[in-house]
Protein backbone atom coordinates (compact mmCIF):
# COMPACT_ATOMS: atom_id res chain seq x y z
CA MET A 1 -1.65 -41.47 15.23
CA ASN A 2 -1.27 -45.40 16.45
CA GLU A 3 -4.42 -46.63 14.41
CA GLN A 4 -4.08 -50.16 15.46
CA LEU A 5 -3.56 -49.07 19.01
CA ILE A 6 -6.87 -47.33 18.40
CA ILE A 7 -8.57 -50.22 17.20
CA ASP A 8 -7.03 -52.62 20.47
CA TYR A 9 -8.13 -49.98 22.84
CA LYS A 10 -11.91 -49.70 21.71
CA ASN A 11 -12.00 -53.50 21.99
CA PHE A 12 -10.62 -53.57 25.39
CA LEU A 13 -13.30 -51.11 26.33
CA ASN A 14 -15.66 -53.08 25.18
CA ASN A 15 -14.72 -56.31 26.69
CA GLY A 16 -13.70 -54.98 29.83
CA LYS A 17 -16.38 -53.27 31.77
CA THR A 18 -15.91 -54.69 35.37
CA GLU A 19 -12.84 -54.69 36.92
CA ARG A 20 -12.75 -58.78 36.93
CA GLU A 21 -13.35 -58.36 32.86
CA CYS A 22 -10.08 -56.32 32.82
CA VAL A 23 -8.19 -58.59 34.68
CA GLN A 24 -8.89 -61.39 32.22
CA GLN A 25 -8.00 -59.34 29.39
CA ILE A 26 -4.95 -57.94 30.59
CA ILE A 27 -3.93 -61.66 31.59
CA THR A 28 -4.98 -62.72 28.06
CA MET A 29 -2.68 -59.98 26.50
CA ALA A 30 0.61 -60.60 28.81
CA LYS A 31 0.70 -64.59 28.49
CA LYS A 32 0.69 -63.31 24.59
CA ALA A 33 3.77 -61.58 25.35
CA GLY A 34 5.26 -64.16 27.38
CA TYR A 35 4.32 -63.58 30.68
CA LYS A 36 3.37 -66.38 33.36
CA ASP A 37 2.06 -66.65 36.62
CA ILE A 38 4.43 -66.00 39.43
CA THR A 39 3.32 -69.29 41.06
CA LYS A 40 5.04 -71.02 38.48
CA TYR A 41 8.39 -69.68 39.64
CA LYS A 42 10.69 -70.77 42.47
CA LYS A 43 13.16 -68.35 41.44
CA LEU A 44 13.17 -65.30 39.53
CA LYS A 45 16.15 -63.59 37.06
CA PRO A 46 16.58 -60.96 34.86
CA GLY A 47 14.38 -61.28 31.79
CA ASP A 48 11.64 -63.16 33.61
CA LYS A 49 8.60 -61.49 33.20
CA VAL A 50 5.32 -62.42 35.59
CA TYR A 51 2.26 -61.39 36.89
CA ILE A 52 0.48 -61.28 39.96
CA THR A 53 -3.41 -60.96 40.85
CA LYS A 54 -5.19 -60.30 44.15
CA MET A 55 -9.12 -61.70 44.12
CA ASP A 56 -9.22 -61.15 40.20
CA LYS A 57 -9.80 -57.81 40.55
CA SER A 58 -6.25 -56.13 40.47
CA ILE A 59 -2.89 -57.17 38.78
CA ALA A 60 0.58 -56.55 38.38
CA LEU A 61 3.02 -57.13 35.59
CA PHE A 62 6.68 -57.27 36.35
CA GLU A 63 9.97 -57.65 34.30
CA ILE A 64 12.91 -58.01 35.69
CA GLY A 65 15.78 -55.81 35.29
CA THR A 66 19.73 -56.80 35.78
CA ASN A 67 19.83 -53.90 38.97
CA PRO A 68 19.38 -55.24 42.68
CA ILE A 69 15.83 -54.54 42.47
CA GLU A 70 16.42 -52.09 45.58
CA GLU A 71 17.70 -49.71 43.34
CA GLY A 72 13.92 -49.31 42.57
CA MET A 73 11.47 -49.80 39.77
CA ASN A 74 9.80 -48.19 36.83
CA ILE A 75 6.21 -48.38 37.79
CA LEU A 76 3.07 -47.71 35.86
CA GLY A 77 0.16 -47.30 38.10
CA ALA A 78 -3.60 -46.91 37.14
CA HIS A 79 -7.58 -48.30 38.30
CA ILE A 80 -9.56 -50.56 36.52
CA ASP A 81 -12.71 -50.00 38.45
CA SER A 82 -15.21 -47.28 37.12
CA PRO A 83 -18.23 -45.22 38.29
CA ARG A 84 -21.52 -47.77 37.73
CA LEU A 85 -24.44 -49.01 39.65
CA ASP A 86 -24.02 -52.12 41.67
CA ALA A 87 -26.92 -54.79 42.45
CA LYS A 88 -27.69 -55.27 46.48
CA GLN A 89 -27.61 -58.76 47.50
CA ASN A 90 -31.59 -58.34 47.94
CA PRO A 91 -31.84 -57.13 44.85
CA ILE A 92 -35.23 -58.31 42.92
CA TYR A 93 -38.41 -57.23 43.98
CA GLU A 94 -41.49 -56.38 42.62
CA LYS A 95 -43.93 -53.54 42.71
CA ASP A 96 -47.69 -53.44 41.00
CA ASN A 97 -46.79 -56.13 38.16
CA ILE A 98 -43.35 -54.55 37.31
CA THR A 99 -39.83 -56.22 38.89
CA TYR A 100 -37.09 -54.05 39.35
CA LEU A 101 -33.50 -54.85 40.40
CA ASN A 102 -32.25 -53.14 43.52
CA THR A 103 -28.98 -50.93 43.35
CA HIS A 104 -26.50 -48.98 45.06
CA TYR A 105 -24.22 -46.15 43.06
CA TYR A 106 -20.84 -46.61 43.26
CA GLY A 107 -18.21 -43.95 42.86
CA GLY A 108 -18.86 -40.66 41.82
CA ILE A 109 -22.16 -40.15 39.34
CA LYS A 110 -24.70 -37.61 38.30
CA LYS A 111 -27.39 -39.63 39.21
CA TYR A 112 -30.00 -38.46 36.47
CA GLN A 113 -27.50 -39.33 33.59
CA TRP A 114 -28.25 -42.73 34.45
CA THR A 115 -31.75 -42.84 33.81
CA THR A 116 -33.57 -43.38 29.97
CA ILE A 117 -30.13 -45.00 28.67
CA PRO A 118 -29.74 -48.53 27.89
CA LEU A 119 -28.19 -50.77 30.66
CA ALA A 120 -26.22 -53.97 30.59
CA ILE A 121 -25.41 -56.21 33.79
CA HIS A 122 -22.24 -58.08 34.04
CA GLY A 123 -20.78 -59.95 36.97
CA ILE A 124 -20.51 -62.85 38.79
CA VAL A 125 -22.70 -64.97 41.03
CA CYS A 126 -21.29 -67.29 43.50
CA LYS A 127 -23.37 -70.44 44.11
CA LYS A 128 -23.68 -72.39 47.55
CA ASP A 129 -21.80 -75.28 45.62
CA GLY A 130 -18.65 -73.18 45.02
CA THR A 131 -19.35 -72.85 41.85
CA THR A 132 -19.14 -69.36 40.19
CA VAL A 133 -21.04 -68.16 36.99
CA ASN A 134 -20.31 -65.54 34.75
CA VAL A 135 -23.29 -63.05 33.78
CA VAL A 136 -23.67 -60.90 31.10
CA ILE A 137 -26.58 -59.55 30.02
CA GLY A 138 -27.44 -57.12 27.19
CA GLU A 139 -24.71 -56.73 24.95
CA ASN A 140 -25.11 -58.91 22.25
CA GLN A 141 -27.56 -57.64 19.67
CA ASP A 142 -30.39 -60.44 20.51
CA ASP A 143 -30.16 -60.05 24.31
CA PRO A 144 -32.47 -57.15 26.06
CA VAL A 145 -30.94 -54.53 27.55
CA PHE A 146 -32.29 -52.73 30.82
CA CYS A 147 -33.03 -49.36 31.94
CA ILE A 148 -34.41 -46.81 34.70
CA SER A 149 -37.21 -44.77 34.16
CA ASP A 150 -37.68 -41.37 34.88
CA ILE A 151 -40.96 -38.98 35.34
CA LEU A 152 -42.56 -37.87 32.54
CA PRO A 153 -42.19 -33.83 31.59
CA HIS A 154 -46.15 -33.50 32.08
CA LEU A 155 -45.94 -34.57 35.39
CA ALA A 156 -42.52 -33.55 36.76
CA GLN A 157 -43.16 -30.05 38.00
CA GLU A 158 -42.19 -30.60 41.38
CA GLN A 159 -39.49 -32.70 40.47
CA MET A 160 -37.69 -29.91 38.27
CA LYS A 161 -37.81 -27.77 41.24
CA ASP A 162 -35.41 -29.92 42.94
CA LYS A 163 -31.46 -29.57 42.62
CA ALA A 164 -29.92 -32.06 40.07
CA SER A 165 -28.40 -33.89 42.92
CA ASP A 166 -32.25 -34.22 44.49
CA PHE A 167 -34.12 -35.11 42.12
CA ILE A 168 -33.41 -38.67 41.47
CA LYS A 169 -32.80 -40.12 44.56
CA GLY A 170 -30.46 -42.78 45.19
CA GLU A 171 -32.56 -45.54 46.42
CA ASP A 172 -34.37 -44.39 43.39
CA LEU A 173 -31.81 -45.82 40.83
CA ASP A 174 -33.44 -49.01 40.62
CA VAL A 175 -33.26 -50.94 37.05
CA LEU A 176 -36.76 -52.39 35.31
CA MET A 177 -36.27 -55.96 34.78
CA GLY A 178 -39.54 -57.26 33.52
CA SER A 179 -43.36 -56.82 33.57
CA ILE A 180 -46.63 -58.60 33.65
CA PRO A 181 -49.91 -57.26 32.89
CA PRO A 182 -52.53 -56.67 35.69
CA LEU A 183 -54.81 -59.53 36.78
CA LYS A 184 -58.33 -59.10 35.26
CA LYS A 185 -60.81 -57.69 36.40
CA GLY A 186 -63.33 -60.02 38.33
CA THR A 187 -60.17 -62.37 39.38
CA SER A 188 -60.96 -64.07 42.30
CA ALA A 189 -59.31 -63.66 45.54
CA GLU A 190 -57.64 -67.35 45.54
CA GLU A 191 -56.37 -66.24 41.98
CA LYS A 192 -54.96 -63.35 43.16
CA LYS A 193 -53.36 -65.03 46.09
CA GLU A 194 -51.49 -67.65 43.55
CA ALA A 195 -50.68 -65.06 41.12
CA LYS A 196 -48.83 -62.61 43.74
CA GLU A 197 -45.12 -61.82 42.71
CA ARG A 198 -46.03 -63.06 39.27
CA SER A 199 -43.11 -60.95 37.17
CA LYS A 200 -40.85 -61.36 40.10
CA LYS A 201 -41.31 -65.39 39.83
CA THR A 202 -40.84 -64.92 35.73
CA ILE A 203 -37.49 -63.35 36.17
CA ILE A 204 -36.01 -65.58 38.95
CA ALA A 205 -36.93 -68.32 36.65
CA LEU A 206 -35.43 -67.08 33.68
CA PHE A 207 -32.58 -66.44 35.65
CA LYS A 208 -32.52 -69.91 36.72
CA GLU A 209 -32.90 -71.21 33.30
CA MET A 210 -29.94 -69.06 32.02
CA TYR A 211 -27.39 -69.46 34.46
CA GLY A 212 -28.92 -72.30 36.97
CA ILE A 213 -28.88 -69.13 39.93
CA GLU A 214 -31.74 -69.37 42.58
CA GLU A 215 -33.08 -66.41 44.08
CA ASP A 216 -30.48 -66.45 47.32
CA ASP A 217 -27.54 -66.86 45.44
CA PHE A 218 -27.69 -63.01 44.74
CA GLU A 219 -26.45 -63.26 48.57
CA SER A 220 -22.96 -64.06 47.32
CA ALA A 221 -22.64 -62.30 43.69
CA GLU A 222 -21.22 -59.23 42.35
CA LEU A 223 -23.61 -57.62 39.54
CA GLU A 224 -22.15 -54.54 37.88
CA ILE A 225 -24.70 -52.46 35.86
CA VAL A 226 -23.26 -50.34 33.05
CA PRO A 227 -24.17 -48.94 30.07
CA ALA A 228 -24.80 -51.08 27.31
CA GLY A 229 -23.09 -50.80 24.00
CA LYS A 230 -19.54 -50.55 22.46
CA ALA A 231 -16.99 -47.49 22.15
CA ARG A 232 -17.53 -45.94 18.99
CA ASP A 233 -15.20 -43.21 17.24
CA MET A 234 -16.90 -39.78 17.82
CA GLY A 235 -17.41 -36.61 15.75
CA LEU A 236 -17.70 -36.35 11.62
CA ASP A 237 -13.57 -36.23 11.66
CA ARG A 238 -13.61 -39.66 13.80
CA SER A 239 -11.07 -37.87 16.40
CA MET A 240 -12.56 -38.97 19.46
CA ILE A 241 -13.75 -42.10 21.24
CA LEU A 242 -17.12 -42.32 22.79
CA GLY A 243 -17.02 -45.04 25.57
CA TYR A 244 -18.00 -45.96 28.76
CA GLY A 245 -15.21 -46.45 31.61
CA GLN A 246 -12.27 -44.39 29.81
CA ASP A 247 -11.53 -43.15 33.60
CA ASP A 248 -9.09 -44.88 34.06
CA ARG A 249 -9.08 -47.51 31.45
CA SER A 250 -7.61 -44.87 28.80
CA CYS A 251 -4.60 -45.34 31.40
CA ALA A 252 -4.97 -48.78 32.14
CA PHE A 253 -4.74 -49.86 29.01
CA THR A 254 -2.31 -47.83 27.58
CA SER A 255 0.18 -48.76 30.54
CA VAL A 256 -0.42 -52.71 29.90
CA ALA A 257 0.17 -52.06 26.19
CA ALA A 258 3.51 -50.37 27.03
CA MET A 259 4.55 -52.25 29.52
CA LEU A 260 4.25 -55.38 26.91
CA GLU A 261 6.35 -53.61 24.56
CA VAL A 262 9.51 -52.13 26.40
CA LYS A 263 11.89 -54.62 27.49
CA ALA A 264 13.25 -54.13 31.06
CA GLU A 265 16.92 -53.01 31.20
CA LYS A 266 18.76 -52.15 34.29
CA ARG A 267 15.71 -51.17 36.46
CA THR A 268 12.63 -53.64 36.93
CA ASN A 269 9.70 -52.74 35.23
CA CYS A 270 6.13 -52.94 36.49
CA CYS A 271 2.64 -52.05 35.14
CA LEU A 272 -0.08 -52.24 38.26
CA CYS A 273 -3.87 -51.77 37.72
CA VAL A 274 -5.87 -51.76 40.81
CA ASP A 275 -9.48 -51.69 42.06
CA LYS A 276 -11.13 -49.38 44.06
CA GLU A 277 -9.83 -46.22 43.26
CA GLU A 278 -13.44 -44.31 42.78
CA ILE A 279 -14.25 -45.19 46.18
CA GLY A 280 -11.28 -43.88 48.02
CA SER A 281 -8.89 -47.19 46.97
CA MET A 282 -10.14 -49.11 50.17
CA GLY A 283 -10.43 -52.84 50.90
CA ALA A 284 -7.99 -55.54 49.72
CA THR A 285 -7.88 -54.84 46.03
CA GLY A 286 -7.17 -51.09 46.52
CA MET A 287 -4.02 -49.45 47.09
CA GLU A 288 -4.73 -47.94 50.50
CA SER A 289 -4.02 -51.60 51.57
CA ASN A 290 -1.06 -53.34 51.27
CA LEU A 291 -1.72 -54.64 48.13
CA PHE A 292 1.08 -53.18 45.98
CA GLU A 293 3.59 -53.81 49.14
CA ASN A 294 2.96 -57.79 49.36
CA MET A 295 3.22 -57.95 45.55
CA VAL A 296 6.71 -56.47 45.45
CA ALA A 297 7.74 -58.61 48.40
CA GLU A 298 6.66 -61.86 46.53
CA ILE A 299 9.38 -60.34 43.97
CA ILE A 300 11.88 -59.80 46.37
CA ALA A 301 11.48 -63.28 47.74
CA LEU A 302 11.80 -64.71 44.00
CA THR A 303 14.88 -62.54 43.22
CA GLU A 304 17.06 -62.34 46.48
CA ASN A 305 18.79 -64.77 47.74
CA SER A 306 16.61 -64.24 51.00
CA TYR A 307 13.79 -62.12 51.62
CA SER A 308 14.70 -58.66 53.48
CA ASP A 309 12.47 -55.94 54.57
CA ILE A 310 14.84 -53.62 54.36
CA THR A 311 15.34 -54.18 50.80
CA LEU A 312 11.66 -54.15 50.05
CA ARG A 313 11.75 -50.56 51.77
CA ARG A 314 14.70 -49.12 49.89
CA CYS A 315 12.93 -51.04 46.58
CA LEU A 316 9.99 -48.83 47.04
CA ALA A 317 11.34 -45.76 48.08
CA ASN A 318 13.91 -45.68 45.18
CA SER A 319 11.16 -46.29 42.42
CA TYR A 320 9.87 -43.83 39.95
CA MET A 321 6.18 -43.89 39.04
CA LEU A 322 3.41 -42.66 36.90
CA SER A 323 0.01 -42.60 38.39
CA SER A 324 -1.68 -42.86 35.23
CA ASP A 325 -5.23 -41.50 35.53
CA VAL A 326 -7.35 -39.23 33.72
CA ASN A 327 -8.13 -35.34 34.00
CA ALA A 328 -10.45 -33.46 33.35
CA ALA A 329 -10.37 -31.73 29.76
CA TYR A 330 -10.82 -27.87 29.20
CA ASP A 331 -14.86 -27.27 28.20
CA PRO A 332 -15.28 -24.20 26.41
CA LEU A 333 -19.02 -24.40 26.97
CA ASN A 334 -18.16 -24.19 30.76
CA ALA A 335 -15.10 -22.19 30.71
CA GLY A 336 -15.55 -20.38 33.95
CA LEU A 337 -15.06 -23.34 35.86
CA TYR A 338 -11.37 -23.59 34.71
CA ASP A 339 -8.17 -21.87 34.79
CA LYS A 340 -7.52 -22.16 31.16
CA GLU A 341 -3.70 -21.62 31.39
CA ASN A 342 -3.57 -24.60 33.94
CA SER A 343 -5.90 -27.26 32.26
CA SER A 344 -5.36 -29.75 30.18
CA ALA A 345 -6.99 -29.47 26.21
CA LEU A 346 -8.21 -32.67 24.35
CA GLY A 347 -6.24 -33.79 21.90
CA GLY A 348 -3.05 -31.53 23.44
CA GLY A 349 -1.49 -34.36 24.62
CA VAL A 350 -0.29 -36.32 27.91
CA ALA A 351 -1.89 -34.27 30.73
CA PHE A 352 0.49 -34.23 33.81
CA GLN A 353 -0.36 -33.24 37.15
CA LYS A 354 2.20 -32.04 39.35
CA TYR A 355 -0.30 -32.27 42.27
CA THR A 356 -3.91 -33.26 42.51
CA GLY A 357 -6.55 -33.23 45.90
CA SER A 358 -8.59 -30.37 46.40
CA ARG A 359 -8.97 -27.06 48.22
CA GLY A 360 -5.63 -26.90 49.43
CA LYS A 361 -4.15 -29.76 47.95
CA TYR A 362 -5.74 -31.66 50.26
CA GLY A 363 -5.16 -35.58 49.43
CA ALA A 364 -2.34 -34.65 46.87
CA SER A 365 1.21 -36.42 46.58
CA ASP A 366 2.75 -33.12 45.16
CA ALA A 367 5.74 -34.41 43.06
CA ASN A 368 9.22 -33.26 43.73
CA ALA A 369 10.22 -30.53 41.06
CA GLU A 370 13.53 -32.10 40.41
CA PHE A 371 11.33 -35.76 39.60
CA VAL A 372 9.14 -33.45 36.89
CA ALA A 373 12.14 -31.99 35.45
CA LYS A 374 13.71 -35.46 34.73
CA VAL A 375 10.07 -36.76 33.45
CA ARG A 376 9.74 -33.77 31.55
CA SER A 377 13.30 -33.86 29.82
CA ALA A 378 12.47 -37.52 28.58
CA MET A 379 9.16 -36.28 27.24
CA TYR A 380 11.05 -33.58 25.43
CA ASP A 381 13.72 -35.83 24.05
CA ALA A 382 11.08 -38.15 22.89
CA ASN A 383 9.42 -35.55 20.94
CA ILE A 384 6.02 -36.19 22.96
CA ASN A 385 3.28 -33.66 23.52
CA TYR A 386 2.61 -32.92 27.09
CA GLN A 387 0.28 -30.32 29.07
CA MET A 388 0.87 -29.52 32.90
CA SER A 389 -2.60 -29.28 34.21
CA GLU A 390 -5.05 -28.68 37.33
CA LEU A 391 -8.76 -29.99 37.54
CA GLY A 392 -10.52 -27.22 37.41
CA LYS A 393 -10.43 -23.67 39.54
CA VAL A 394 -8.61 -23.54 42.90
CA ASP A 395 -11.41 -24.10 45.31
CA GLN A 396 -13.82 -25.11 42.37
CA GLY A 397 -13.48 -28.60 43.15
CA GLY A 398 -10.54 -30.86 42.67
CA GLY A 399 -10.12 -35.26 42.94
CA GLY A 400 -7.55 -37.31 44.06
CA THR A 401 -5.65 -40.59 42.28
CA ILE A 402 -3.48 -43.37 43.75
CA ALA A 403 -0.40 -40.98 43.56
CA TYR A 404 -0.79 -40.26 47.44
CA HIS A 405 -0.76 -43.84 48.17
CA ALA A 406 2.09 -44.94 46.15
CA ALA A 407 4.15 -41.69 47.68
CA ARG A 408 4.06 -43.11 51.21
CA TYR A 409 7.04 -45.63 50.24
CA GLY A 410 9.03 -42.10 49.79
CA MET A 411 9.03 -42.87 45.55
CA ASN A 412 8.94 -40.67 43.22
CA VAL A 413 5.36 -40.09 42.14
CA LEU A 414 3.83 -37.80 39.38
CA ASP A 415 0.23 -37.98 37.70
CA ALA A 416 0.02 -38.59 34.05
CA GLY A 417 -3.17 -39.41 32.08
CA VAL A 418 -5.22 -38.02 28.97
CA ALA A 419 -8.01 -35.33 29.13
CA VAL A 420 -11.71 -36.47 29.25
CA LEU A 421 -14.67 -34.71 28.15
CA SER A 422 -17.96 -35.79 30.56
CA MET A 423 -16.03 -37.52 32.98
CA HIS A 424 -18.22 -39.63 34.85
CA ALA A 425 -20.90 -39.54 32.89
CA PRO A 426 -22.15 -43.16 31.51
CA TRP A 427 -20.28 -42.28 28.17
CA GLU A 428 -16.96 -40.38 28.24
CA ILE A 429 -15.00 -38.38 25.59
CA THR A 430 -11.46 -39.05 24.87
CA SER A 431 -9.10 -37.75 22.08
CA LYS A 432 -7.40 -40.37 19.95
CA GLU A 433 -4.19 -38.60 19.53
CA ASP A 434 -4.18 -38.54 23.49
CA ILE A 435 -4.90 -42.05 23.50
CA SER A 436 -1.43 -42.59 21.43
CA GLN A 437 0.33 -39.65 23.06
CA ILE A 438 0.14 -41.63 26.67
CA PHE A 439 1.14 -44.88 24.80
CA ASP A 440 4.10 -43.37 23.41
CA CYS A 441 4.84 -41.56 27.03
CA ASN A 442 4.66 -44.67 29.23
CA LYS A 443 6.98 -46.72 27.00
CA VAL A 444 9.48 -43.78 27.53
CA PHE A 445 9.02 -43.75 30.88
CA LEU A 446 9.67 -47.44 31.52
CA SER A 447 12.97 -47.01 29.93
CA LEU A 448 14.12 -44.16 32.51
CA LYS A 449 17.47 -44.99 34.06
């Protein structure tokens, strides 16, 4: 097992709890390996290393190979967004002396899992004067943390009758920000009027003191509420990692790390880390947009004598891609949800999925058998452990990845990742062995001919 890789991975999780923070970390890593912003170049030649970003939430790394780019690239694709809570645009309100941050959950979560755990706030606030303020509260040892309260069991008889999906409503996932003692008995009407929203005013004043933020600045803010705390070794044998956002930062980090270690030869190498996968890859920074083809078009414009749309089409169609995303680990305590022979085991190595989707493979790209064989052969020759897997029993559930967005260009795409226990929970579980194996897998894949 690659011990240094595991240390670096945990640090990546700790310092990259939002997609913006991940992009900044990737840029730092890439620059150390000799990558430069594409805007620094007027022409690209074999061996050049560049990165392209989109709205600070998606990034692609390219190392130019010696072959004409229309012969295709080797691409590692992953996503860097994770389920969380987002602050609404008018988020701060007071109710009976307690101030709350109003939120809207992002991605597929079990809402009850987000109550009564320490939470942190990460994000940016863009002020009217054009300046941007970075906000991180709840990660340092002396920082305050935040929490969503829940009903005590003594009063929860009615709540406990509801389905798990219903007993915490989305509108009730509001974060406790502060409180103030009630007014004393005998307070005059005038004093009550002056004291209205004392708690909220205190919180707003603290934000202004700490970050220079006015209340209306939250209208142009992106604040993400995530679990507070660091990724930790898990298990007495320290064989596992417990951390937030391992879907899909386990694959994103190991893709970037592999990209920075492997030298491109004939085929151009690419590592793509995108946003918005957890909500269908929509938006300007997701794979449903023209994000990736626009990035590749920029590369073609700088590598060819003149830009050609047919070169772009041929490049994408002739490319190979590992759509690196996590898979559900087989859970012995819930064995009835899985087809064991077609499940991925924690610690079993790289989890390849020929298809994803749900209920009749809906939303899947369904990789070509010849391409699966090509990848299998490369893994076998490199002595890399892998497992062919699906996400649960047929009709039990399922899920999608960015694979089908890439497959629409006609390229060969195969889903690959690591098995995860408690996927989409605030704290997810992976195997250190699997992290090491997917890193080695990615390096081998980038060398495919």
